[in-house]
């Protein structure tokens, strides 16, 4: 059976119009609500082994390989209970994360329902790379938090330019932490090597049937690099 990844797209419908109804002194309210909705979505998704990528908050992505229709519905219900506008979700698969997002987005556009779950007939996997900048704490002490942040944002931009061609989905996680969601195939290490755009980057990679497990494995691999347990700048763990 071919391997691929399942991704769900979550859209808050009419979100822009809702924000504009709040008046000019609204941004603090918008940011607060976005954080609350994202936090609730992440907690519920993690219960089932999934992981939420906020992307632009009114549209979120869920790495949902291995999650059933019922589990998707549970996550959607949680988000809907927190949101101020109607919410829709579509879930499908692809050989690459970007393929899966494109397919799910297309299905969402074509559907009048609030939940679309496409059976895929593939082995659903999640492969993630947790990319980290060496000595960012030292850098922050020298140049301050803002300049260090700008440095990380520049790196994210470089990685993103490479990622699109490879079908990789990139999400900045805060601090110096960058998540790359990879096509779950044999050439994973070669793909990560292309994403390591600077010599001061390292990556722990996890591959498993569910996103939460893959992220835990990636974190463990990154710990081995940081602690000098292994000499490599890329370590791959496969369940």
C-alpha atoms as a PDB file:
ATOM      1  CA  UNK A   1       0.000   0.000   0.000  1.00  0.00           C
ATOM      2  CA  UNK A   2       1.259   3.473  -0.881  1.00  0.00           C
ATOM      3  CA  UNK A   3       2.146   5.858   1.949  1.00  0.00           C
ATOM      4  CA  UNK A   4       0.748   9.355   2.309  1.00  0.00           C
ATOM      5  CA  UNK A   5      -0.402  11.897   4.852  1.00  0.00           C
ATOM      6  CA  UNK A   6      -3.875  13.020   5.907  1.00  0.00           C
ATOM      7  CA  UNK A   7      -4.458  16.716   6.553  1.00  0.00           C
ATOM      8  CA  UNK A   8      -7.664  18.441   7.605  1.00  0.00           C
ATOM      9  CA  UNK A   9      -8.408  22.048   6.673  1.00  0.00           C
ATOM     10  CA  UNK A  10     -10.540  24.039   9.128  1.00  0.00           C
ATOM     11  CA  UNK A  11     -12.170  27.271   7.949  1.00  0.00           C
ATOM     12  CA  UNK A  12     -14.029  29.844  10.021  1.00  0.00           C
ATOM     13  CA  UNK A  13     -16.600  31.127   7.531  1.00  0.00           C
ATOM     14  CA  UNK A  14     -17.228  34.882   7.425  1.00  0.00           C
ATOM     15  CA  UNK A  15     -14.355  35.570   9.802  1.00  0.00           C
ATOM     16  CA  UNK A  16     -13.203  38.806   8.152  1.00  0.00           C
ATOM     17  CA  UNK A  17     -16.707  40.228   8.197  1.00  0.00           C
ATOM     18  CA  UNK A  18     -17.034  39.346  11.869  1.00  0.00           C
ATOM     19  CA  UNK A  19     -13.754  41.079  12.757  1.00  0.00           C
ATOM     20  CA  UNK A  20     -14.828  44.211  10.892  1.00  0.00           C
ATOM     21  CA  UNK A  21     -18.036  44.324  12.928  1.00  0.00           C
ATOM     22  CA  UNK A  22     -16.038  44.816  16.128  1.00  0.00           C
ATOM     23  CA  UNK A  23     -15.072  48.419  15.443  1.00  0.00           C
ATOM     24  CA  UNK A  24     -11.624  49.954  15.309  1.00  0.00           C
ATOM     25  CA  UNK A  25     -10.460  48.982  18.804  1.00  0.00           C
ATOM     26  CA  UNK A  26     -10.636  45.273  17.955  1.00  0.00           C
ATOM     27  CA  UNK A  27      -7.203  43.762  17.488  1.00  0.00           C
ATOM     28  CA  UNK A  28      -6.729  42.792  21.130  1.00  0.00           C
ATOM     29  CA  UNK A  29     -10.072  40.974  21.029  1.00  0.00           C
ATOM     30  CA  UNK A  30      -9.203  39.213  17.780  1.00  0.00           C
ATOM     31  CA  UNK A  31      -5.818  38.057  19.059  1.00  0.00           C
ATOM     32  CA  UNK A  32      -7.300  36.841  22.347  1.00  0.00           C
ATOM     33  CA  UNK A  33     -10.041  34.852  20.653  1.00  0.00           C
ATOM     34  CA  UNK A  34      -7.662  33.371  18.080  1.00  0.00           C
ATOM     35  CA  UNK A  35      -5.446  32.112  20.880  1.00  0.00           C
ATOM     36  CA  UNK A  36      -8.396  30.604  22.739  1.00  0.00           C
ATOM     37  CA  UNK A  37      -9.781  28.809  19.674  1.00  0.00           C
ATOM     38  CA  UNK A  38      -6.347  27.509  18.675  1.00  0.00           C
ATOM     39  CA  UNK A  39      -5.624  26.323  22.226  1.00  0.00           C
ATOM     40  CA  UNK A  40      -8.927  24.425  22.426  1.00  0.00           C
ATOM     41  CA  UNK A  41      -8.382  22.906  18.984  1.00  0.00           C
ATOM     42  CA  UNK A  42      -4.859  21.789  19.863  1.00  0.00           C
ATOM     43  CA  UNK A  43      -5.949  20.166  23.114  1.00  0.00           C
ATOM     44  CA  UNK A  44      -8.768  18.256  21.446  1.00  0.00           C
ATOM     45  CA  UNK A  45      -6.664  17.182  18.444  1.00  0.00           C
ATOM     46  CA  UNK A  46      -3.865  15.966  20.712  1.00  0.00           C
ATOM     47  CA  UNK A  47      -6.306  13.682  22.560  1.00  0.00           C
ATOM     48  CA  UNK A  48      -6.663  11.725  19.323  1.00  0.00           C
ATOM     49  CA  UNK A  49      -3.004  11.921  18.271  1.00  0.00           C
ATOM     50  CA  UNK A  50      -3.378  14.873  15.907  1.00  0.00           C
ATOM     51  CA  UNK A  51      -1.616  18.225  15.796  1.00  0.00           C
ATOM     52  CA  UNK A  52      -2.928  21.661  14.767  1.00  0.00           C
ATOM     53  CA  UNK A  53      -1.018  24.166  12.666  1.00  0.00           C
ATOM     54  CA  UNK A  54      -2.616  27.615  13.082  1.00  0.00           C
ATOM     55  CA  UNK A  55      -1.382  28.979   9.695  1.00  0.00           C
ATOM     56  CA  UNK A  56      -3.586  32.113   9.663  1.00  0.00           C
ATOM     57  CA  UNK A  57      -5.945  31.249  12.548  1.00  0.00           C
ATOM     58  CA  UNK A  58      -9.174  31.760  10.588  1.00  0.00           C
ATOM     59  CA  UNK A  59      -7.861  28.808   8.561  1.00  0.00           C
ATOM     60  CA  UNK A  60      -6.071  26.057  10.495  1.00  0.00           C
ATOM     61  CA  UNK A  61      -4.587  22.764   9.388  1.00  0.00           C
ATOM     62  CA  UNK A  62      -4.650  19.533  11.362  1.00  0.00           C
ATOM     63  CA  UNK A  63      -2.146  16.739  10.824  1.00  0.00           C
ATOM     64  CA  UNK A  64      -4.785  14.049  11.190  1.00  0.00           C
ATOM     65  CA  UNK A  65      -3.344  10.809   9.827  1.00  0.00           C
ATOM     66  CA  UNK A  66      -4.927   7.846  11.603  1.00  0.00           C
ATOM     67  CA  UNK A  67      -7.913   9.856  12.865  1.00  0.00           C
ATOM     68  CA  UNK A  68     -11.420   8.593  12.123  1.00  0.00           C
ATOM     69  CA  UNK A  69     -14.442  10.514  10.880  1.00  0.00           C
ATOM     70  CA  UNK A  70     -15.772  10.529  14.450  1.00  0.00           C
ATOM     71  CA  UNK A  71     -12.542  11.973  15.830  1.00  0.00           C
ATOM     72  CA  UNK A  72     -12.537  14.695  13.188  1.00  0.00           C
ATOM     73  CA  UNK A  73     -16.136  15.490  14.148  1.00  0.00           C
ATOM     74  CA  UNK A  74     -15.116  15.775  17.811  1.00  0.00           C
ATOM     75  CA  UNK A  75     -12.369  18.278  16.965  1.00  0.00           C
ATOM     76  CA  UNK A  76     -14.748  20.250  14.740  1.00  0.00           C
ATOM     77  CA  UNK A  77     -17.340  20.352  17.521  1.00  0.00           C
ATOM     78  CA  UNK A  78     -14.775  21.763  19.962  1.00  0.00           C
ATOM     79  CA  UNK A  79     -13.690  24.488  17.542  1.00  0.00           C
ATOM     80  CA  UNK A  80     -17.295  25.346  16.672  1.00  0.00           C
ATOM     81  CA  UNK A  81     -18.161  25.748  20.359  1.00  0.00           C
ATOM     82  CA  UNK A  82     -15.414  28.389  20.707  1.00  0.00           C
ATOM     83  CA  UNK A  83     -15.707  30.242  17.399  1.00  0.00           C
ATOM     84  CA  UNK A  84     -17.898  33.300  16.758  1.00  0.00           C
ATOM     85  CA  UNK A  85     -18.719  32.260  13.181  1.00  0.00           C
ATOM     86  CA  UNK A  86     -19.668  28.993  11.433  1.00  0.00           C
ATOM     87  CA  UNK A  87     -16.830  26.467  11.063  1.00  0.00           C
ATOM     88  CA  UNK A  88     -16.228  23.897   8.331  1.00  0.00           C
ATOM     89  CA  UNK A  89     -13.686  21.081   8.053  1.00  0.00           C
ATOM     90  CA  UNK A  90     -12.450  18.928   5.188  1.00  0.00           C
ATOM     91  CA  UNK A  91     -10.000  16.034   5.509  1.00  0.00           C
ATOM     92  CA  UNK A  92      -8.132  14.211   2.775  1.00  0.00           C
ATOM     93  CA  UNK A  93      -4.753  12.718   1.851  1.00  0.00           C
ATOM     94  CA  UNK A  94      -1.861  13.165  -0.530  1.00  0.00           C
ATOM     95  CA  UNK A  95       1.615  11.884  -1.285  1.00  0.00           C
ATOM     96  CA  UNK A  96       2.914  15.167   0.121  1.00  0.00           C
ATOM     97  CA  UNK A  97       1.468  17.472   2.790  1.00  0.00           C
ATOM     98  CA  UNK A  98       0.832  20.193   0.219  1.00  0.00           C
ATOM     99  CA  UNK A  99      -1.006  17.695  -2.004  1.00  0.00           C
ATOM    100  CA  UNK A 100      -3.212  16.743   0.957  1.00  0.00           C
ATOM    101  CA  UNK A 101      -3.991  20.378   1.771  1.00  0.00           C
ATOM    102  CA  UNK A 102      -4.820  21.129  -1.872  1.00  0.00           C
ATOM    103  CA  UNK A 103      -7.181  18.151  -2.074  1.00  0.00           C
ATOM    104  CA  UNK A 104      -8.907  18.977   1.239  1.00  0.00           C
ATOM    105  CA  UNK A 105      -9.299  22.630   0.262  1.00  0.00           C
ATOM    106  CA  UNK A 106     -10.833  21.645  -3.079  1.00  0.00           C
ATOM    107  CA  UNK A 107     -13.317  19.311  -1.366  1.00  0.00           C
ATOM    108  CA  UNK A 108     -14.239  22.049   1.101  1.00  0.00           C
ATOM    109  CA  UNK A 109     -14.957  24.474  -1.733  1.00  0.00           C
ATOM    110  CA  UNK A 110     -17.181  21.924  -3.466  1.00  0.00           C
ATOM    111  CA  UNK A 111     -19.153  20.892  -0.374  1.00  0.00           C
ATOM    112  CA  UNK A 112     -22.162  22.511   1.278  1.00  0.00           C
ATOM    113  CA  UNK A 113     -21.704  20.520   4.489  1.00  0.00           C
ATOM    114  CA  UNK A 114     -19.653  21.351   7.545  1.00  0.00           C
ATOM    115  CA  UNK A 115     -17.547  18.152   7.555  1.00  0.00           C
ATOM    116  CA  UNK A 116     -16.051  16.327   4.592  1.00  0.00           C
ATOM    117  CA  UNK A 117     -14.003  13.213   5.319  1.00  0.00           C
ATOM    118  CA  UNK A 118     -12.536  11.428   2.309  1.00  0.00           C
ATOM    119  CA  UNK A 119     -11.490   7.797   2.606  1.00  0.00           C
ATOM    120  CA  UNK A 120      -8.044   7.577   1.026  1.00  0.00           C
ATOM    121  CA  UNK A 121      -7.033   3.917   0.680  1.00  0.00           C
ATOM    122  CA  UNK A 122      -3.404   4.593   1.583  1.00  0.00           C
ATOM    123  CA  UNK A 123      -1.187   3.955   4.585  1.00  0.00           C
ATOM    124  CA  UNK A 124      -1.568   7.208   6.511  1.00  0.00           C
ATOM    125  CA  UNK A 125       1.690   8.386   8.079  1.00  0.00           C
ATOM    126  CA  UNK A 126       3.148  11.593   9.497  1.00  0.00           C
ATOM    127  CA  UNK A 127       6.781  12.592   8.995  1.00  0.00           C
ATOM    128  CA  UNK A 128       7.972  15.757  10.701  1.00  0.00           C
ATOM    129  CA  UNK A 129      11.292  17.517  11.111  1.00  0.00           C
ATOM    130  CA  UNK A 130      11.833  19.722  14.145  1.00  0.00           C
ATOM    131  CA  UNK A 131      14.446  22.200  12.897  1.00  0.00           C
ATOM    132  CA  UNK A 132      16.443  24.161  15.430  1.00  0.00           C
ATOM    133  CA  UNK A 133      19.052  26.961  15.294  1.00  0.00           C
ATOM    134  CA  UNK A 134      22.301  26.321  17.165  1.00  0.00           C
ATOM    135  CA  UNK A 135      23.090  28.552  20.168  1.00  0.00           C
ATOM    136  CA  UNK A 136      20.048  30.803  19.770  1.00  0.00           C
ATOM    137  CA  UNK A 137      20.085  31.525  23.513  1.00  0.00           C
ATOM    138  CA  UNK A 138      23.633  32.851  23.229  1.00  0.00           C
ATOM    139  CA  UNK A 139      22.654  34.865  20.146  1.00  0.00           C
ATOM    140  CA  UNK A 140      19.712  36.388  22.021  1.00  0.00           C
ATOM    141  CA  UNK A 141      21.964  37.414  24.917  1.00  0.00           C
ATOM    142  CA  UNK A 142      24.279  39.185  22.474  1.00  0.00           C
ATOM    143  CA  UNK A 143      21.872  40.909  20.075  1.00  0.00           C
ATOM    144  CA  UNK A 144      18.628  40.959  22.082  1.00  0.00           C
ATOM    145  CA  UNK A 145      15.303  39.187  21.540  1.00  0.00           C
ATOM    146  CA  UNK A 146      14.094  41.240  18.574  1.00  0.00           C
ATOM    147  CA  UNK A 147      17.174  40.877  16.360  1.00  0.00           C
ATOM    148  CA  UNK A 148      17.378  37.182  17.252  1.00  0.00           C
ATOM    149  CA  UNK A 149      13.722  36.834  16.279  1.00  0.00           C
ATOM    150  CA  UNK A 150      14.406  38.547  12.941  1.00  0.00           C
ATOM    151  CA  UNK A 151      17.228  36.072  12.347  1.00  0.00           C
ATOM    152  CA  UNK A 152      14.873  33.132  12.873  1.00  0.00           C
ATOM    153  CA  UNK A 153      12.209  34.677  10.619  1.00  0.00           C
ATOM    154  CA  UNK A 154      14.808  34.994   7.845  1.00  0.00           C
ATOM    155  CA  UNK A 155      15.623  31.301   8.248  1.00  0.00           C
ATOM    156  CA  UNK A 156      11.930  30.378   8.095  1.00  0.00           C
ATOM    157  CA  UNK A 157      11.650  32.326   4.833  1.00  0.00           C
ATOM    158  CA  UNK A 158      14.636  30.489   3.353  1.00  0.00           C
ATOM    159  CA  UNK A 159      13.246  27.108   4.349  1.00  0.00           C
ATOM    160  CA  UNK A 160       9.782  27.971   3.025  1.00  0.00           C
ATOM    161  CA  UNK A 161      11.175  28.793  -0.412  1.00  0.00           C
ATOM    162  CA  UNK A 162      12.742  25.330  -0.562  1.00  0.00           C
ATOM    163  CA  UNK A 163       9.706  23.651   0.972  1.00  0.00           C
ATOM    164  CA  UNK A 164       7.141  24.519  -1.671  1.00  0.00           C
ATOM    165  CA  UNK A 165       9.061  22.721  -4.421  1.00  0.00           C
ATOM    166  CA  UNK A 166       9.390  19.633  -2.198  1.00  0.00           C
ATOM    167  CA  UNK A 167       5.726  19.491  -1.176  1.00  0.00           C
ATOM    168  CA  UNK A 168       6.698  20.287   2.424  1.00  0.00           C
ATOM    169  CA  UNK A 169       4.524  22.235   4.864  1.00  0.00           C
ATOM    170  CA  UNK A 170       6.412  24.632   7.169  1.00  0.00           C
ATOM    171  CA  UNK A 171       5.147  26.158  10.417  1.00  0.00           C
ATOM    172  CA  UNK A 172       7.066  28.462  12.768  1.00  0.00           C
ATOM    173  CA  UNK A 173       6.470  27.236  16.333  1.00  0.00           C
ATOM    174  CA  UNK A 174       8.012  30.150  18.220  1.00  0.00           C
ATOM    175  CA  UNK A 175      11.476  30.662  19.683  1.00  0.00           C
ATOM    176  CA  UNK A 176      13.940  29.069  17.277  1.00  0.00           C
ATOM    177  CA  UNK A 177      11.657  26.109  16.565  1.00  0.00           C
ATOM    178  CA  UNK A 178      10.553  25.384  13.019  1.00  0.00           C
ATOM    179  CA  UNK A 179       8.347  22.455  12.052  1.00  0.00           C
ATOM    180  CA  UNK A 180       8.582  20.920   8.591  1.00  0.00           C
ATOM    181  CA  UNK A 181       5.916  18.359   7.670  1.00  0.00           C
ATOM    182  CA  UNK A 182       7.477  16.022   5.114  1.00  0.00           C
ATOM    183  CA  UNK A 183       6.297  13.582   2.463  1.00  0.00           C
ATOM    184  CA  UNK A 184       6.387  10.206   4.285  1.00  0.00           C
ATOM    185  CA  UNK A 185       8.629   8.363   1.841  1.00  0.00           C
ATOM    186  CA  UNK A 186      12.034   6.709   1.709  1.00  0.00           C
ATOM    187  CA  UNK A 187      13.960   9.881   0.797  1.00  0.00           C
ATOM    188  CA  UNK A 188      13.064  11.717   4.026  1.00  0.00           C
ATOM    189  CA  UNK A 189      16.662  12.389   5.092  1.00  0.00           C
ATOM    190  CA  UNK A 190      17.530  13.793   1.664  1.00  0.00           C
ATOM    191  CA  UNK A 191      14.518  16.110   1.820  1.00  0.00           C
ATOM    192  CA  UNK A 192      15.595  17.355   5.254  1.00  0.00           C
ATOM    193  CA  UNK A 193      19.117  17.971   3.976  1.00  0.00           C
ATOM    194  CA  UNK A 194      17.644  20.309   1.355  1.00  0.00           C
ATOM    195  CA  UNK A 195      15.741  22.176   4.068  1.00  0.00           C
ATOM    196  CA  UNK A 196      18.828  22.658   6.242  1.00  0.00           C
ATOM    197  CA  UNK A 197      19.708  25.892   4.477  1.00  0.00           C
ATOM    198  CA  UNK A 198      22.504  26.865   6.890  1.00  0.00           C
ATOM    199  CA  UNK A 199      25.304  25.029   8.641  1.00  0.00           C
ATOM    200  CA  UNK A 200      24.093  26.162  12.078  1.00  0.00           C
ATOM    201  CA  UNK A 201      20.785  24.295  11.800  1.00  0.00           C
ATOM    202  CA  UNK A 202      19.970  20.825  13.080  1.00  0.00           C
ATOM    203  CA  UNK A 203      16.881  18.628  12.750  1.00  0.00           C
ATOM    204  CA  UNK A 204      15.264  15.824  14.683  1.00  0.00           C
ATOM    205  CA  UNK A 205      12.887  13.805  12.514  1.00  0.00           C
ATOM    206  CA  UNK A 206      10.031  11.556  13.599  1.00  0.00           C
ATOM    207  CA  UNK A 207       7.972   9.214  11.421  1.00  0.00           C
ATOM    208  CA  UNK A 208       4.905   7.473  12.804  1.00  0.00           C
ATOM    209  CA  UNK A 209       1.238   6.792  12.145  1.00  0.00           C
ATOM    210  CA  UNK A 210       0.027   9.808  14.131  1.00  0.00           C
ATOM    211  CA  UNK A 211       1.289  13.359  14.383  1.00  0.00           C
ATOM    212  CA  UNK A 212       1.642  13.533  18.154  1.00  0.00           C
ATOM    213  CA  UNK A 213       3.861  10.447  18.177  1.00  0.00           C
ATOM    214  CA  UNK A 214       5.949  11.784  15.278  1.00  0.00           C
ATOM    215  CA  UNK A 215       6.501  15.076  17.077  1.00  0.00           C
ATOM    216  CA  UNK A 216       7.568  13.286  20.261  1.00  0.00           C
ATOM    217  CA  UNK A 217      10.067  11.204  18.290  1.00  0.00           C
ATOM    218  CA  UNK A 218      11.397  14.311  16.528  1.00  0.00           C
ATOM    219  CA  UNK A 219      11.872  16.038  19.882  1.00  0.00           C
ATOM    220  CA  UNK A 220      13.753  13.011  21.215  1.00  0.00           C
ATOM    221  CA  UNK A 221      15.989  12.935  18.138  1.00  0.00           C
ATOM    222  CA  UNK A 222      16.715  16.655  18.533  1.00  0.00           C
ATOM    223  CA  UNK A 223      17.592  16.078  22.201  1.00  0.00           C
ATOM    224  CA  UNK A 224      20.180  13.485  21.156  1.00  0.00           C
ATOM    225  CA  UNK A 225      21.808  16.026  18.831  1.00  0.00           C
ATOM    226  CA  UNK A 226      21.778  18.828  21.412  1.00  0.00           C
ATOM    227  CA  UNK A 227      23.280  16.625  24.113  1.00  0.00           C
ATOM    228  CA  UNK A 228      26.019  15.297  21.836  1.00  0.00           C
ATOM    229  CA  UNK A 229      24.701  11.737  22.086  1.00  0.00           C
ATOM    230  CA  UNK A 230      25.047  11.603  18.299  1.00  0.00           C
ATOM    231  CA  UNK A 231      27.410  13.611  16.118  1.00  0.00           C
ATOM    232  CA  UNK A 232      25.018  14.104  13.198  1.00  0.00           C
ATOM    233  CA  UNK A 233      23.041  17.289  12.549  1.00  0.00           C
ATOM    234  CA  UNK A 234      20.064  15.224  11.322  1.00  0.00           C
ATOM    235  CA  UNK A 235      18.647  12.242  13.232  1.00  0.00           C
ATOM    236  CA  UNK A 236      15.642  10.253  11.961  1.00  0.00           C
ATOM    237  CA  UNK A 237      13.448   8.107  14.239  1.00  0.00           C
ATOM    238  CA  UNK A 238      10.942   5.744  12.628  1.00  0.00           C
ATOM    239  CA  UNK A 239       8.217   3.916  14.570  1.00  0.00           C
END
